[in-house]
Amino acid sequence: MEIKMEKEPITVSGLNSLKSELENLKNVQRPKIVEAIAEARSHGDLKENAEYHAAKEQQALIESRVIAIDDLIARANVIDVTKIENNGKVIFGSTVKVQDLKNSKQISYRLVGQDEADIKKNLIFFKSPIGKALIGKDKGDMISASTPSGERSFKILDVQYI
């Protein structure tokens, strides 16, 4: 039985931020926690040593994040939209300026992979309700999406590959 690893689309900036997080975990966080464990160990009885247990827990979190990032990087399908001809279609990695039809507010969203998504930075997962509604549409199209806060409708004002 063959296990097929599914490729995860990721933007160039998303891959770079994963790589720098991995670098930090391996070269800064990991050595610090090893030192903290050694320090806590030197305090004697490990059964009632809260610092030791906290440090071991932190170490486990760091190691599991390192494994997760290594896996993401291994499965990364890097999509550089700046190298794709812009035909006005909404694709993974594109930045889409929309107008909310309810309140006329204009918002720009960038469609990204799951690990990059951050609504505070208007980076939305391409498989989220709004992301799915936008993918494949063109500048000028109207879309609507069922979100946790209810049905939302937008007009696509602009599509950029930046």
C-alpha atoms as a PDB file:
ATOM      1  CA  MET A   1       0.000   0.000   0.000  1.00  0.00           C
ATOM      2  CA  GLU A   2       1.421   3.324  -1.076  1.00  0.00           C
ATOM      3  CA  ILE A   3       0.884   6.415   1.030  1.00  0.00           C
ATOM      4  CA  LYS A   4       0.424   9.389  -1.250  1.00  0.00           C
ATOM      5  CA  MET A   5       1.565  12.674   0.237  1.00  0.00           C
ATOM      6  CA  GLU A   6      -0.734  15.410  -0.895  1.00  0.00           C
ATOM      7  CA  LYS A   7       1.017  18.526  -2.167  1.00  0.00           C
ATOM      8  CA  GLU A   8       0.090  21.684  -0.290  1.00  0.00           C
ATOM      9  CA  PRO A   9      -0.004  24.897  -2.325  1.00  0.00           C
ATOM     10  CA  ILE A  10       2.024  27.652  -0.684  1.00  0.00           C
ATOM     11  CA  THR A  11       3.119  31.134  -1.691  1.00  0.00           C
ATOM     12  CA  VAL A  12       6.790  32.101  -1.944  1.00  0.00           C
ATOM     13  CA  SER A  13       6.499  34.334   1.148  1.00  0.00           C
ATOM     14  CA  GLY A  14       4.691  31.538   3.007  1.00  0.00           C
ATOM     15  CA  LEU A  15       7.533  29.111   2.296  1.00  0.00           C
ATOM     16  CA  ASN A  16      10.135  31.694   3.346  1.00  0.00           C
ATOM     17  CA  SER A  17       8.380  32.346   6.646  1.00  0.00           C
ATOM     18  CA  LEU A  18       8.141  28.587   7.335  1.00  0.00           C
ATOM     19  CA  LYS A  19      11.865  28.224   6.632  1.00  0.00           C
ATOM     20  CA  SER A  20      12.761  31.086   8.978  1.00  0.00           C
ATOM     21  CA  GLU A  21      10.498  29.673  11.716  1.00  0.00           C
ATOM     22  CA  LEU A  22      12.222  26.288  11.297  1.00  0.00           C
ATOM     23  CA  GLU A  23      15.653  27.946  11.450  1.00  0.00           C
ATOM     24  CA  ASN A  24      14.660  29.749  14.676  1.00  0.00           C
ATOM     25  CA  LEU A  25      13.273  26.558  16.261  1.00  0.00           C
ATOM     26  CA  LYS A  26      16.381  24.516  15.418  1.00  0.00           C
ATOM     27  CA  ASN A  27      19.081  27.113  16.102  1.00  0.00           C
ATOM     28  CA  VAL A  28      17.591  29.280  18.871  1.00  0.00           C
ATOM     29  CA  GLN A  29      14.659  27.597  20.665  1.00  0.00           C
ATOM     30  CA  ARG A  30      16.019  24.024  20.701  1.00  0.00           C
ATOM     31  CA  PRO A  31      19.441  24.921  22.259  1.00  0.00           C
ATOM     32  CA  LYS A  32      17.691  27.175  24.839  1.00  0.00           C
ATOM     33  CA  ILE A  33      15.357  24.377  25.944  1.00  0.00           C
ATOM     34  CA  VAL A  34      18.192  21.827  26.139  1.00  0.00           C
ATOM     35  CA  GLU A  35      19.994  24.274  28.431  1.00  0.00           C
ATOM     36  CA  ALA A  36      16.840  24.808  30.524  1.00  0.00           C
ATOM     37  CA  ILE A  37      16.402  21.027  30.924  1.00  0.00           C
ATOM     38  CA  ALA A  38      20.040  20.608  31.996  1.00  0.00           C
ATOM     39  CA  GLU A  39      19.650  23.477  34.467  1.00  0.00           C
ATOM     40  CA  ALA A  40      16.422  22.033  35.911  1.00  0.00           C
ATOM     41  CA  ARG A  41      18.007  18.563  36.112  1.00  0.00           C
ATOM     42  CA  SER A  42      20.838  19.945  38.222  1.00  0.00           C
ATOM     43  CA  HIS A  43      18.269  20.978  40.851  1.00  0.00           C
ATOM     44  CA  GLY A  44      17.860  17.350  41.920  1.00  0.00           C
ATOM     45  CA  ASP A  45      14.646  15.356  42.388  1.00  0.00           C
ATOM     46  CA  LEU A  46      12.848  15.346  39.018  1.00  0.00           C
ATOM     47  CA  LYS A  47       9.493  14.107  40.382  1.00  0.00           C
ATOM     48  CA  GLU A  48       8.679  17.411  42.044  1.00  0.00           C
ATOM     49  CA  ASN A  49      10.664  19.645  39.729  1.00  0.00           C
ATOM     50  CA  ALA A  50       8.171  21.950  37.970  1.00  0.00           C
ATOM     51  CA  GLU A  51      10.872  23.686  35.888  1.00  0.00           C
ATOM     52  CA  TYR A  52      12.045  20.323  34.534  1.00  0.00           C
ATOM     53  CA  HIS A  53       8.528  19.215  33.580  1.00  0.00           C
ATOM     54  CA  ALA A  54       7.715  22.594  31.987  1.00  0.00           C
ATOM     55  CA  ALA A  55      10.961  22.495  29.991  1.00  0.00           C
ATOM     56  CA  LYS A  56      10.287  18.910  28.818  1.00  0.00           C
ATOM     57  CA  GLU A  57       6.782  19.938  27.739  1.00  0.00           C
ATOM     58  CA  GLN A  58       8.193  22.936  25.856  1.00  0.00           C
ATOM     59  CA  GLN A  59      10.740  20.650  24.204  1.00  0.00           C
ATOM     60  CA  ALA A  60       7.956  18.330  23.006  1.00  0.00           C
ATOM     61  CA  LEU A  61       6.062  21.301  21.526  1.00  0.00           C
ATOM     62  CA  ILE A  62       9.181  22.532  19.710  1.00  0.00           C
ATOM     63  CA  GLU A  63       9.973  19.075  18.329  1.00  0.00           C
ATOM     64  CA  SER A  64       6.417  18.499  17.094  1.00  0.00           C
ATOM     65  CA  ARG A  65       6.405  21.912  15.360  1.00  0.00           C
ATOM     66  CA  VAL A  66       9.781  21.089  13.721  1.00  0.00           C
ATOM     67  CA  ILE A  67       8.296  17.823  12.412  1.00  0.00           C
ATOM     68  CA  ALA A  68       5.156  19.622  11.170  1.00  0.00           C
ATOM     69  CA  ILE A  69       7.186  22.308   9.338  1.00  0.00           C
ATOM     70  CA  ASP A  70       9.531  19.710   7.806  1.00  0.00           C
ATOM     71  CA  ASP A  71       6.437  17.874   6.545  1.00  0.00           C
ATOM     72  CA  LEU A  72       4.878  21.055   5.131  1.00  0.00           C
ATOM     73  CA  ILE A  73       8.107  21.992   3.352  1.00  0.00           C
ATOM     74  CA  ALA A  74       8.412  18.458   1.933  1.00  0.00           C
ATOM     75  CA  ARG A  75       4.859  18.675   0.539  1.00  0.00           C
ATOM     76  CA  ALA A  76       5.060  22.319  -0.540  1.00  0.00           C
ATOM     77  CA  ASN A  77       3.950  23.135  -4.046  1.00  0.00           C
ATOM     78  CA  VAL A  78       5.311  26.680  -4.320  1.00  0.00           C
ATOM     79  CA  ILE A  79       3.178  28.914  -6.490  1.00  0.00           C
ATOM     80  CA  ASP A  80       4.724  32.221  -7.523  1.00  0.00           C
ATOM     81  CA  VAL A  81       1.848  34.266  -8.963  1.00  0.00           C
ATOM     82  CA  THR A  82       4.199  37.007 -10.125  1.00  0.00           C
ATOM     83  CA  LYS A  83       5.397  34.574 -12.820  1.00  0.00           C
ATOM     84  CA  ILE A  84       1.876  33.812 -14.090  1.00  0.00           C
ATOM     85  CA  GLU A  85       0.200  35.947 -16.753  1.00  0.00           C
ATOM     86  CA  ASN A  86      -2.673  37.861 -15.170  1.00  0.00           C
ATOM     87  CA  ASN A  87      -5.837  37.243 -17.155  1.00  0.00           C
ATOM     88  CA  GLY A  88      -8.089  38.681 -14.452  1.00  0.00           C
ATOM     89  CA  LYS A  89      -8.919  35.244 -12.992  1.00  0.00           C
ATOM     90  CA  VAL A  90      -8.800  34.674  -9.248  1.00  0.00           C
ATOM     91  CA  ILE A  91      -6.216  31.954  -8.565  1.00  0.00           C
ATOM     92  CA  PHE A  92      -4.263  30.662  -5.563  1.00  0.00           C
ATOM     93  CA  GLY A  93      -1.876  33.391  -4.393  1.00  0.00           C
ATOM     94  CA  SER A  94      -3.688  36.245  -6.101  1.00  0.00           C
ATOM     95  CA  THR A  95      -4.752  39.389  -4.268  1.00  0.00           C
ATOM     96  CA  VAL A  96      -8.399  40.180  -4.815  1.00  0.00           C
ATOM     97  CA  LYS A  97      -9.997  43.546  -4.115  1.00  0.00           C
ATOM     98  CA  VAL A  98     -13.695  43.102  -3.393  1.00  0.00           C
ATOM     99  CA  GLN A  99     -16.559  45.333  -2.376  1.00  0.00           C
ATOM    100  CA  ASP A 100     -18.891  44.057   0.323  1.00  0.00           C
ATOM    101  CA  LEU A 101     -22.359  44.521  -1.168  1.00  0.00           C
ATOM    102  CA  LYS A 102     -23.966  44.935   2.268  1.00  0.00           C
ATOM    103  CA  ASN A 103     -21.905  47.883   3.552  1.00  0.00           C
ATOM    104  CA  SER A 104     -19.988  48.966   0.379  1.00  0.00           C
ATOM    105  CA  LYS A 105     -16.645  48.501   2.187  1.00  0.00           C
ATOM    106  CA  GLN A 106     -13.698  47.555   0.025  1.00  0.00           C
ATOM    107  CA  ILE A 107     -11.377  44.786   1.228  1.00  0.00           C
ATOM    108  CA  SER A 108      -8.346  43.123  -0.332  1.00  0.00           C
ATOM    109  CA  TYR A 109      -7.849  39.433   0.343  1.00  0.00           C
ATOM    110  CA  ARG A 110      -4.890  37.282  -0.617  1.00  0.00           C
ATOM    111  CA  LEU A 111      -5.673  33.601  -1.217  1.00  0.00           C
ATOM    112  CA  VAL A 112      -3.092  31.457   0.559  1.00  0.00           C
ATOM    113  CA  GLY A 113      -2.454  27.983   1.962  1.00  0.00           C
ATOM    114  CA  GLN A 114      -3.805  26.814   5.299  1.00  0.00           C
ATOM    115  CA  ASP A 115      -0.590  27.421   7.246  1.00  0.00           C
ATOM    116  CA  GLU A 116      -0.314  31.011   5.964  1.00  0.00           C
ATOM    117  CA  ALA A 117      -3.920  32.046   6.533  1.00  0.00           C
ATOM    118  CA  ASP A 118      -4.339  34.976   8.942  1.00  0.00           C
ATOM    119  CA  ILE A 119      -7.592  36.916   8.741  1.00  0.00           C
ATOM    120  CA  LYS A 120      -6.042  39.851  10.665  1.00  0.00           C
ATOM    121  CA  LYS A 121      -3.667  40.304   7.707  1.00  0.00           C
ATOM    122  CA  ASN A 122      -6.452  39.582   5.157  1.00  0.00           C
ATOM    123  CA  LEU A 123      -4.707  36.326   4.201  1.00  0.00           C
ATOM    124  CA  ILE A 124      -7.510  33.826   3.650  1.00  0.00           C
ATOM    125  CA  PHE A 125      -7.320  30.072   3.133  1.00  0.00           C
ATOM    126  CA  PHE A 126      -8.214  29.316  -0.482  1.00  0.00           C
ATOM    127  CA  LYS A 127     -10.549  26.518   0.707  1.00  0.00           C
ATOM    128  CA  SER A 128     -12.406  28.778   3.178  1.00  0.00           C
ATOM    129  CA  PRO A 129     -15.992  29.749   2.216  1.00  0.00           C
ATOM    130  CA  ILE A 130     -14.928  33.130   0.757  1.00  0.00           C
ATOM    131  CA  GLY A 131     -11.784  31.615  -0.807  1.00  0.00           C
ATOM    132  CA  LYS A 132     -13.802  28.872  -2.529  1.00  0.00           C
ATOM    133  CA  ALA A 133     -16.326  31.423  -3.792  1.00  0.00           C
ATOM    134  CA  LEU A 134     -13.532  33.583  -5.262  1.00  0.00           C
ATOM    135  CA  ILE A 135     -11.344  30.914  -6.929  1.00  0.00           C
ATOM    136  CA  GLY A 136     -11.849  30.787 -10.698  1.00  0.00           C
ATOM    137  CA  LYS A 137     -13.971  33.951 -10.839  1.00  0.00           C
ATOM    138  CA  ASP A 138     -13.111  37.048 -12.876  1.00  0.00           C
ATOM    139  CA  LYS A 139     -12.814  40.776 -12.229  1.00  0.00           C
ATOM    140  CA  GLY A 140     -16.346  42.212 -12.278  1.00  0.00           C
ATOM    141  CA  ASP A 141     -18.043  38.993 -11.082  1.00  0.00           C
ATOM    142  CA  MET A 142     -20.433  38.913  -8.141  1.00  0.00           C
ATOM    143  CA  ILE A 143     -19.942  36.172  -5.568  1.00  0.00           C
ATOM    144  CA  SER A 144     -21.603  35.100  -2.361  1.00  0.00           C
ATOM    145  CA  ALA A 145     -20.317  32.896   0.419  1.00  0.00           C
ATOM    146  CA  SER A 146     -21.818  31.328   3.527  1.00  0.00           C
ATOM    147  CA  THR A 147     -19.512  32.334   6.369  1.00  0.00           C
ATOM    148  CA  PRO A 148     -19.819  31.711  10.121  1.00  0.00           C
ATOM    149  CA  SER A 149     -21.190  35.268  10.387  1.00  0.00           C
ATOM    150  CA  GLY A 150     -23.839  34.604   7.725  1.00  0.00           C
ATOM    151  CA  GLU A 151     -24.202  34.992   3.966  1.00  0.00           C
ATOM    152  CA  ARG A 152     -21.832  37.587   2.468  1.00  0.00           C
ATOM    153  CA  SER A 153     -21.916  38.977  -1.050  1.00  0.00           C
ATOM    154  CA  PHE A 154     -19.096  40.709  -2.875  1.00  0.00           C
ATOM    155  CA  LYS A 155     -18.277  42.265  -6.227  1.00  0.00           C
ATOM    156  CA  ILE A 156     -14.748  41.539  -7.482  1.00  0.00           C
ATOM    157  CA  LEU A 157     -13.173  44.928  -8.249  1.00  0.00           C
ATOM    158  CA  ASP A 158      -9.617  43.892  -9.071  1.00  0.00           C
ATOM    159  CA  VAL A 159      -7.377  40.840  -9.274  1.00  0.00           C
ATOM    160  CA  GLN A 160      -3.629  41.243  -8.847  1.00  0.00           C
ATOM    161  CA  TYR A 161      -0.811  38.723  -9.131  1.00  0.00           C
ATOM    162  CA  ILE A 162       1.677  40.348  -6.731  1.00  0.00           C
END
